[in-house]
């Protein structure tokens, strides 16, 4: 993030939590008991709490409280108790001040949620810096790819691009040349579809007008970081790829060779699937799943050959299913970009939603010893 640092920090009540009083002595920060922090012995703290909005540093809070009649030692004790209890954020004024006011306002809820969920005390500045510097490329057509890209853009990911993976095609094996090229590695770098307006749509439209190019950076290895259909000419390697639909062997091979973490996503036949999340050389890849399926169903390779470049028309994916799958996929992607917590449940597995139950279930998919992806060096 340009100019984003943690040099200037100011005490603020933890973002996203509402302060309430349980009695005259006890203040509770947050409502739900799974997040709330209750502190007793806080009589007279109300004027100090009202000052903790991140607009003042510690000395300025003490001075302002003194002007309101709160002794310095009392304010100092209140700040100490709040900090020890984990009820304070170190508000990163310099980091957030570098954002345009409109974008800062739009990202407020995203950063508050990230800070609470990840246990950060920096008002989401760490998540913001990582997301703003990240590039994500979404391969796929239609509402699912667009919905995922919209969520990621709204969540503060700095560079989001869409490349069509497949389009609805005619008879088996007759996909148009443009579709075959897209399935081999994607084309263009546009976050397309900007019909839905709003802040995310405007940001996406601006990126489309500029050519949708990702930032000029690449992983070591030069040409290995280019899609097979655009070697030497395409956008550089993204930090994460999302494959919304069926990936052809060319795209799979490029993602594995380039060491790009990638998340497979699908929503068809009234079933949503998020995963696997592939970390090349470390977790099960998309070919591992096909090998496992083929061991259970000998006809699977023949079926795969017939569905390449095709999808049902119309697809059995309503707006609610697309939204649910896009939200879950974006959540997994943001966890990767935020470098959050334990391994994703989508690693070596798929998260599946079968209508009409609306209940997510996980299915395990181990690495196949017949695949060879385990021997690939991790990027």
Protein backbone atom coordinates (compact mmCIF):
# COMPACT_ATOMS: atom_id res chain seq x y z
CA UNK A 1 0.00 0.00 0.00
CA UNK A 2 1.53 3.35 -1.00
CA UNK A 3 2.70 5.14 2.10
CA UNK A 4 1.13 2.51 4.34
CA UNK A 5 3.03 2.11 7.62
CA UNK A 6 2.33 1.52 11.28
CA UNK A 7 4.42 4.49 12.46
CA UNK A 8 1.53 6.58 13.75
CA UNK A 9 -0.79 4.61 16.06
CA UNK A 10 -3.54 5.94 18.24
CA UNK A 11 -5.70 4.16 20.86
CA UNK A 12 -9.21 3.30 19.67
CA UNK A 13 -11.86 0.97 20.99
CA UNK A 14 -11.66 -2.26 19.01
CA UNK A 15 -13.36 -1.75 15.68
CA UNK A 16 -16.70 -3.45 15.20
CA UNK A 17 -17.54 -3.75 18.92
CA UNK A 18 -20.18 -1.56 20.56
CA UNK A 19 -19.53 -0.42 24.17
CA UNK A 20 -22.45 -0.87 26.61
CA UNK A 21 -22.78 -0.63 30.38
CA UNK A 22 -23.78 -3.65 32.46
CA UNK A 23 -24.00 -1.51 35.61
CA UNK A 24 -22.39 1.70 36.92
CA UNK A 25 -19.06 -0.03 37.43
CA UNK A 26 -18.90 -2.46 34.54
CA UNK A 27 -18.48 -1.66 30.86
CA UNK A 28 -18.85 -4.34 28.20
CA UNK A 29 -17.09 -3.92 24.85
CA UNK A 30 -19.13 -5.92 22.33
CA UNK A 31 -22.53 -7.59 22.56
CA UNK A 32 -22.14 -11.25 21.62
CA UNK A 33 -20.47 -13.21 24.45
CA UNK A 34 -18.14 -14.83 21.91
CA UNK A 35 -16.53 -11.43 21.29
CA UNK A 36 -17.51 -9.29 24.27
CA UNK A 37 -15.06 -8.09 26.93
CA UNK A 38 -16.51 -7.05 30.32
CA UNK A 39 -14.43 -4.79 32.58
CA UNK A 40 -15.40 -3.76 36.09
CA UNK A 41 -14.12 -0.89 38.20
CA UNK A 42 -14.67 1.48 35.26
CA UNK A 43 -16.87 4.09 36.96
CA UNK A 44 -16.20 7.46 35.40
CA UNK A 45 -14.75 5.94 32.24
CA UNK A 46 -17.52 7.13 29.90
CA UNK A 47 -15.82 10.44 28.93
CA UNK A 48 -12.58 8.59 28.17
CA UNK A 49 -14.34 5.92 26.11
CA UNK A 50 -15.94 8.64 24.00
CA UNK A 51 -12.46 9.95 23.12
CA UNK A 52 -11.17 6.59 21.86
CA UNK A 53 -11.99 6.97 18.18
CA UNK A 54 -8.43 6.87 16.84
CA UNK A 55 -8.22 10.59 16.20
CA UNK A 56 -5.83 11.23 19.12
CA UNK A 57 -2.62 9.71 20.36
CA UNK A 58 -2.31 8.63 23.99
CA UNK A 59 -1.06 11.98 25.26
CA UNK A 60 -3.85 13.79 23.44
CA UNK A 61 -6.46 11.44 24.93
CA UNK A 62 -5.12 12.15 28.43
CA UNK A 63 -5.13 15.90 27.79
CA UNK A 64 -8.67 15.87 26.37
CA UNK A 65 -9.93 13.78 29.29
CA UNK A 66 -8.29 16.17 31.74
CA UNK A 67 -10.19 19.04 30.10
CA UNK A 68 -13.38 17.06 30.77
CA UNK A 69 -12.48 16.69 34.45
CA UNK A 70 -10.95 13.20 34.41
CA UNK A 71 -7.62 13.12 36.29
CA UNK A 72 -4.57 11.99 34.32
CA UNK A 73 -3.93 8.97 36.54
CA UNK A 74 -7.53 7.79 36.06
CA UNK A 75 -7.32 8.07 32.27
CA UNK A 76 -3.97 6.30 32.28
CA UNK A 77 -5.43 3.44 34.34
CA UNK A 78 -8.46 3.14 32.03
CA UNK A 79 -6.25 2.97 28.96
CA UNK A 80 -4.03 0.37 30.60
CA UNK A 81 -6.98 -1.82 31.63
CA UNK A 82 -8.50 -1.63 28.14
CA UNK A 83 -5.18 -2.47 26.49
CA UNK A 84 -4.47 -5.44 28.78
CA UNK A 85 -7.99 -6.77 28.14
CA UNK A 86 -7.50 -6.56 24.39
CA UNK A 87 -10.26 -3.98 23.95
CA UNK A 88 -8.06 -1.41 22.21
CA UNK A 89 -6.79 -1.13 18.67
CA UNK A 90 -3.63 0.72 17.76
CA UNK A 91 -5.29 2.83 15.11
CA UNK A 92 -2.84 3.12 12.15
CA UNK A 93 -3.43 6.73 11.19
CA UNK A 94 -0.64 6.85 8.60
CA UNK A 95 -1.67 3.61 6.91
CA UNK A 96 -5.36 4.43 6.66
CA UNK A 97 -4.69 8.09 5.97
CA UNK A 98 -3.03 7.16 2.69
CA UNK A 99 -6.38 5.90 1.35
CA UNK A 100 -8.84 8.12 -0.46
CA UNK A 101 -11.73 9.00 1.91
CA UNK A 102 -14.31 7.07 -0.12
CA UNK A 103 -12.23 3.92 -0.21
CA UNK A 104 -11.34 4.21 3.48
CA UNK A 105 -15.04 4.42 4.33
CA UNK A 106 -15.88 1.42 2.12
CA UNK A 107 -13.12 -0.67 3.66
CA UNK A 108 -14.04 0.10 7.27
CA UNK A 109 -16.30 -2.92 7.73
CA UNK A 110 -13.84 -5.21 5.91
CA UNK A 111 -10.95 -4.17 8.15
CA UNK A 112 -12.98 -4.40 11.35
CA UNK A 113 -14.06 -7.93 10.50
CA UNK A 114 -10.52 -8.96 9.55
CA UNK A 115 -9.08 -7.56 12.76
CA UNK A 116 -11.68 -9.29 14.96
CA UNK A 117 -11.56 -12.60 13.13
CA UNK A 118 -7.75 -12.75 12.99
CA UNK A 119 -7.16 -11.41 16.51
CA UNK A 120 -5.19 -8.38 15.29
CA UNK A 121 -4.95 -5.19 17.35
CA UNK A 122 -4.10 -2.86 14.47
CA UNK A 123 -7.62 -2.06 13.21
CA UNK A 124 -7.04 -4.30 10.20
CA UNK A 125 -3.92 -2.52 8.92
CA UNK A 126 -1.99 -5.78 8.45
CA UNK A 127 -4.81 -7.30 6.40
CA UNK A 128 -5.18 -4.08 4.41
CA UNK A 129 -1.50 -3.94 3.51
CA UNK A 130 -1.44 -7.58 2.38
CA UNK A 131 -4.66 -7.34 0.40
CA UNK A 132 -3.75 -4.05 -1.25
CA UNK A 133 -0.43 -5.50 -2.46
CA UNK A 134 -1.96 -8.77 -3.68
CA UNK A 135 -3.00 -9.77 -7.19
CA UNK A 136 -5.68 -12.36 -7.88
CA UNK A 137 -6.67 -13.71 -11.28
CA UNK A 138 -10.11 -15.30 -11.66
CA UNK A 139 -10.45 -17.75 -14.54
CA UNK A 140 -14.03 -18.39 -15.56
CA UNK A 141 -17.17 -17.08 -17.21
CA UNK A 142 -20.44 -15.76 -15.91
CA UNK A 143 -21.96 -14.64 -12.66
CA UNK A 144 -19.84 -16.83 -10.38
CA UNK A 145 -16.48 -15.44 -11.52
CA UNK A 146 -17.84 -11.89 -11.51
CA UNK A 147 -19.33 -12.29 -8.02
CA UNK A 148 -16.05 -13.60 -6.61
CA UNK A 149 -14.09 -10.76 -8.22
CA UNK A 150 -16.57 -8.20 -6.87
CA UNK A 151 -16.22 -9.50 -3.31
CA UNK A 152 -12.43 -9.52 -3.50
CA UNK A 153 -12.33 -5.98 -4.91
CA UNK A 154 -14.73 -4.73 -2.23
CA UNK A 155 -12.60 -6.47 0.41
CA UNK A 156 -9.56 -4.38 -0.53
CA UNK A 157 -7.62 -6.71 -2.84
CA UNK A 158 -5.53 -4.33 -4.91
CA UNK A 159 -5.45 -6.16 -8.26
CA UNK A 160 -8.27 -8.42 -9.43
CA UNK A 161 -8.54 -9.62 -13.02
CA UNK A 162 -10.94 -11.95 -14.83
CA UNK A 163 -10.09 -14.19 -17.78
CA UNK A 164 -12.80 -16.36 -19.35
CA UNK A 165 -12.05 -20.04 -18.88
CA UNK A 166 -14.83 -21.60 -20.95
CA UNK A 167 -18.00 -20.44 -22.65
CA UNK A 168 -21.14 -22.40 -23.38
CA UNK A 169 -20.30 -24.48 -26.39
CA UNK A 170 -22.06 -26.64 -28.96
CA UNK A 171 -21.56 -30.34 -29.62
CA UNK A 172 -18.81 -32.28 -27.82
CA UNK A 173 -15.32 -31.45 -29.00
CA UNK A 174 -16.44 -28.45 -31.09
CA UNK A 175 -15.45 -25.59 -28.81
CA UNK A 176 -14.55 -22.41 -30.76
CA UNK A 177 -10.89 -21.51 -31.13
CA UNK A 178 -11.25 -18.56 -28.74
CA UNK A 179 -12.65 -20.91 -26.10
CA UNK A 180 -9.80 -23.35 -26.62
CA UNK A 181 -7.27 -20.54 -26.18
CA UNK A 182 -8.97 -19.37 -23.00
CA UNK A 183 -9.05 -22.89 -21.59
CA UNK A 184 -5.35 -23.20 -22.29
CA UNK A 185 -4.41 -20.24 -20.18
CA UNK A 186 -6.90 -17.40 -20.14
CA UNK A 187 -6.85 -14.22 -22.14
CA UNK A 188 -6.74 -10.61 -21.17
CA UNK A 189 -6.68 -9.29 -17.65
CA UNK A 190 -10.01 -7.55 -17.33
CA UNK A 191 -12.30 -7.67 -14.36
CA UNK A 192 -15.30 -7.74 -16.63
CA UNK A 193 -19.02 -7.47 -16.29
CA UNK A 194 -19.27 -4.02 -14.69
CA UNK A 195 -23.02 -3.74 -15.07
CA UNK A 196 -23.87 -3.68 -11.41
CA UNK A 197 -22.51 -0.24 -10.56
CA UNK A 198 -21.61 0.77 -7.04
CA UNK A 199 -18.09 1.33 -5.68
CA UNK A 200 -16.82 -2.11 -6.65
CA UNK A 201 -18.26 -1.77 -10.11
CA UNK A 202 -16.67 1.64 -10.60
CA UNK A 203 -13.28 0.37 -9.47
CA UNK A 204 -13.68 -2.58 -11.83
CA UNK A 205 -14.68 -0.31 -14.72
CA UNK A 206 -11.62 1.87 -14.12
CA UNK A 207 -9.42 -1.20 -14.23
CA UNK A 208 -11.09 -2.35 -17.44
CA UNK A 209 -10.51 1.05 -19.09
CA UNK A 210 -6.83 0.84 -18.16
CA UNK A 211 -6.52 -2.57 -19.80
CA UNK A 212 -6.97 -4.54 -16.58
CA UNK A 213 -3.23 -5.17 -16.28
CA UNK A 214 -1.84 -6.65 -13.11
CA UNK A 215 1.14 -4.96 -11.44
CA UNK A 216 4.49 -5.38 -13.17
CA UNK A 217 6.00 -8.05 -10.99
CA UNK A 218 6.66 -11.75 -11.44
CA UNK A 219 8.02 -14.73 -9.62
CA UNK A 220 11.54 -15.96 -10.29
CA UNK A 221 11.85 -18.02 -13.42
CA UNK A 222 10.94 -15.63 -16.21
CA UNK A 223 8.90 -17.41 -18.86
CA UNK A 224 7.48 -20.02 -16.52
CA UNK A 225 5.30 -17.28 -15.10
CA UNK A 226 3.31 -16.79 -18.32
CA UNK A 227 0.17 -18.64 -19.40
CA UNK A 228 0.97 -21.18 -22.15
CA UNK A 229 -1.08 -19.31 -24.73
CA UNK A 230 0.63 -15.98 -24.06
CA UNK A 231 4.25 -16.74 -23.16
CA UNK A 232 6.27 -13.57 -22.95
CA UNK A 233 3.25 -11.34 -23.48
CA UNK A 234 0.66 -11.95 -20.76
CA UNK A 235 0.27 -10.47 -17.28
CA UNK A 236 2.72 -11.61 -14.58
CA UNK A 237 2.05 -14.39 -12.13
CA UNK A 238 -0.70 -13.58 -9.60
CA UNK A 239 -0.42 -14.31 -5.89
CA UNK A 240 -3.53 -16.47 -6.14
CA UNK A 241 -5.66 -17.86 -8.96
CA UNK A 242 -9.32 -18.86 -8.73
CA UNK A 243 -10.61 -21.31 -11.31
CA UNK A 244 -14.39 -20.94 -11.63
CA UNK A 245 -15.31 -23.85 -13.85
CA UNK A 246 -13.34 -26.68 -15.43
CA UNK A 247 -9.66 -25.97 -16.01
CA UNK A 248 -8.04 -27.42 -19.11
CA UNK A 249 -4.68 -29.21 -18.90
CA UNK A 250 -2.84 -26.15 -20.21
CA UNK A 251 -4.09 -23.90 -17.42
CA UNK A 252 -3.52 -26.58 -14.78
CA UNK A 253 0.02 -27.15 -16.00
CA UNK A 254 0.84 -23.44 -16.02
CA UNK A 255 -0.47 -22.92 -12.49
CA UNK A 256 1.57 -25.87 -11.22
CA UNK A 257 4.77 -24.91 -13.05
CA UNK A 258 4.51 -21.30 -11.94
CA UNK A 259 3.88 -22.36 -8.34
CA UNK A 260 0.65 -20.34 -8.15
CA UNK A 261 -1.71 -21.31 -5.31
CA UNK A 262 -5.12 -21.84 -6.92
CA UNK A 263 -8.64 -22.47 -5.71
CA UNK A 264 -11.14 -24.44 -7.78
CA UNK A 265 -14.78 -23.31 -7.61
CA UNK A 266 -17.91 -24.61 -9.32
CA UNK A 267 -21.67 -24.08 -9.16
CA UNK A 268 -23.76 -26.27 -11.46
CA UNK A 269 -26.40 -29.00 -11.29
CA UNK A 270 -27.72 -27.23 -8.14
CA UNK A 271 -24.46 -28.07 -6.34
CA UNK A 272 -21.77 -25.67 -5.20
CA UNK A 273 -18.18 -26.79 -4.73
CA UNK A 274 -15.32 -24.75 -3.27
CA UNK A 275 -11.94 -26.45 -3.48
CA UNK A 276 -9.53 -27.90 -3.57
CA UNK A 277 -7.14 -25.13 -2.65
CA UNK A 278 -3.99 -26.28 -4.39
CA UNK A 279 -0.58 -25.32 -3.06
CA UNK A 280 1.72 -26.75 -5.74
CA UNK A 281 3.99 -29.46 -4.37
CA UNK A 282 2.27 -29.45 -0.99
CA UNK A 283 -1.40 -30.41 -1.36
CA UNK A 284 -3.62 -32.43 -3.69
CA UNK A 285 -3.89 -30.87 -7.15
CA UNK A 286 -6.76 -30.95 -9.62
CA UNK A 287 -5.24 -33.93 -11.44
CA UNK A 288 -5.11 -35.82 -8.13
CA UNK A 289 -8.90 -35.48 -7.91
CA UNK A 290 -9.37 -36.79 -11.44
CA UNK A 291 -7.09 -39.75 -10.75
CA UNK A 292 -9.03 -40.57 -7.58
CA UNK A 293 -12.36 -40.24 -9.39
CA UNK A 294 -11.11 -42.46 -12.22
CA UNK A 295 -10.13 -45.15 -9.69
CA UNK A 296 -13.72 -45.13 -8.44
CA UNK A 297 -15.39 -44.69 -11.84
CA UNK A 298 -13.53 -46.12 -14.87
CA UNK A 299 -15.68 -44.00 -17.21
CA UNK A 300 -14.53 -40.73 -15.66
CA UNK A 301 -11.72 -40.01 -18.20
CA UNK A 302 -14.22 -40.44 -21.06
CA UNK A 303 -16.69 -38.13 -19.32
CA UNK A 304 -13.96 -35.52 -18.83
CA UNK A 305 -13.09 -35.59 -22.52
CA UNK A 306 -16.72 -34.87 -23.43
CA UNK A 307 -17.26 -31.93 -21.07
CA UNK A 308 -14.10 -30.00 -21.98
CA UNK A 309 -15.11 -26.49 -23.03
CA UNK A 310 -18.80 -27.15 -22.36
CA UNK A 311 -21.39 -26.41 -19.73
CA UNK A 312 -25.13 -26.92 -19.53
CA UNK A 313 -27.41 -24.25 -20.97
CA UNK A 314 -28.93 -22.90 -18.85
CA UNK A 315 -26.68 -23.77 -15.90
CA UNK A 316 -28.54 -25.00 -12.82
CA UNK A 317 -27.12 -22.25 -10.61
CA UNK A 318 -29.55 -19.70 -9.24
CA UNK A 319 -28.62 -16.35 -7.75
CA UNK A 320 -28.67 -17.63 -4.17
CA UNK A 321 -26.36 -20.55 -4.94
CA UNK A 322 -23.97 -18.34 -6.90
CA UNK A 323 -23.86 -15.84 -4.04
CA UNK A 324 -23.27 -18.54 -1.42
CA UNK A 325 -20.47 -20.19 -3.40
CA UNK A 326 -18.86 -16.86 -4.32
CA UNK A 327 -18.89 -15.75 -0.68
CA UNK A 328 -17.36 -19.00 0.54
CA UNK A 329 -14.73 -18.96 -2.20
CA UNK A 330 -13.83 -15.34 -1.49
CA UNK A 331 -13.51 -16.14 2.22
CA UNK A 332 -11.03 -18.93 1.47
CA UNK A 333 -9.11 -16.64 -0.89
CA UNK A 334 -8.91 -13.82 1.66
CA UNK A 335 -7.63 -16.24 4.30
CA UNK A 336 -4.79 -17.14 1.92
CA UNK A 337 -3.98 -13.49 1.20
CA UNK A 338 -4.23 -12.53 4.88
CA UNK A 339 -2.00 -15.52 5.78
CA UNK A 340 -4.51 -16.36 8.45
CA UNK A 341 -4.45 -19.18 10.94
CA UNK A 342 -4.35 -22.93 10.31
CA UNK A 343 -4.59 -24.74 6.99
CA UNK A 344 -7.67 -23.99 4.92
CA UNK A 345 -10.38 -26.68 5.02
CA UNK A 346 -10.24 -26.54 1.20
CA UNK A 347 -6.67 -27.93 1.21
CA UNK A 348 -6.80 -31.63 0.32
CA UNK A 349 -10.57 -31.31 0.28
CA UNK A 350 -13.67 -29.75 -1.21
CA UNK A 351 -16.44 -27.85 0.56
CA UNK A 352 -19.74 -28.84 -1.01
CA UNK A 353 -23.26 -27.40 -0.88
CA UNK A 354 -26.04 -29.57 -2.32
CA UNK A 355 -29.46 -27.95 -2.72
CA UNK A 356 -31.95 -27.89 -1.16
CA UNK A 357 -30.24 -28.65 2.17
CA UNK A 358 -28.08 -25.48 2.24
CA UNK A 359 -25.62 -27.26 4.52
CA UNK A 360 -21.91 -27.18 3.70
CA UNK A 361 -20.04 -30.48 3.96
CA UNK A 362 -16.37 -31.28 3.48
CA UNK A 363 -15.01 -34.13 1.35
CA UNK A 364 -11.36 -35.19 1.66
CA UNK A 365 -9.14 -35.63 -1.42
CA UNK A 366 -5.60 -36.86 -0.67
CA UNK A 367 -2.64 -36.39 -2.96
CA UNK A 368 -2.47 -39.27 -5.41
CA UNK A 369 0.84 -41.19 -5.54
CA UNK A 370 0.21 -41.66 -9.27
CA UNK A 371 0.06 -37.92 -10.00
CA UNK A 372 3.63 -36.81 -9.37
CA UNK A 373 2.64 -33.36 -8.12
CA UNK A 374 4.21 -34.16 -4.76
CA UNK A 375 7.58 -34.07 -6.48
CA UNK A 376 7.08 -30.55 -7.79
CA UNK A 377 9.10 -27.99 -5.81
CA UNK A 378 6.94 -25.55 -3.92
CA UNK A 379 7.22 -21.97 -5.20
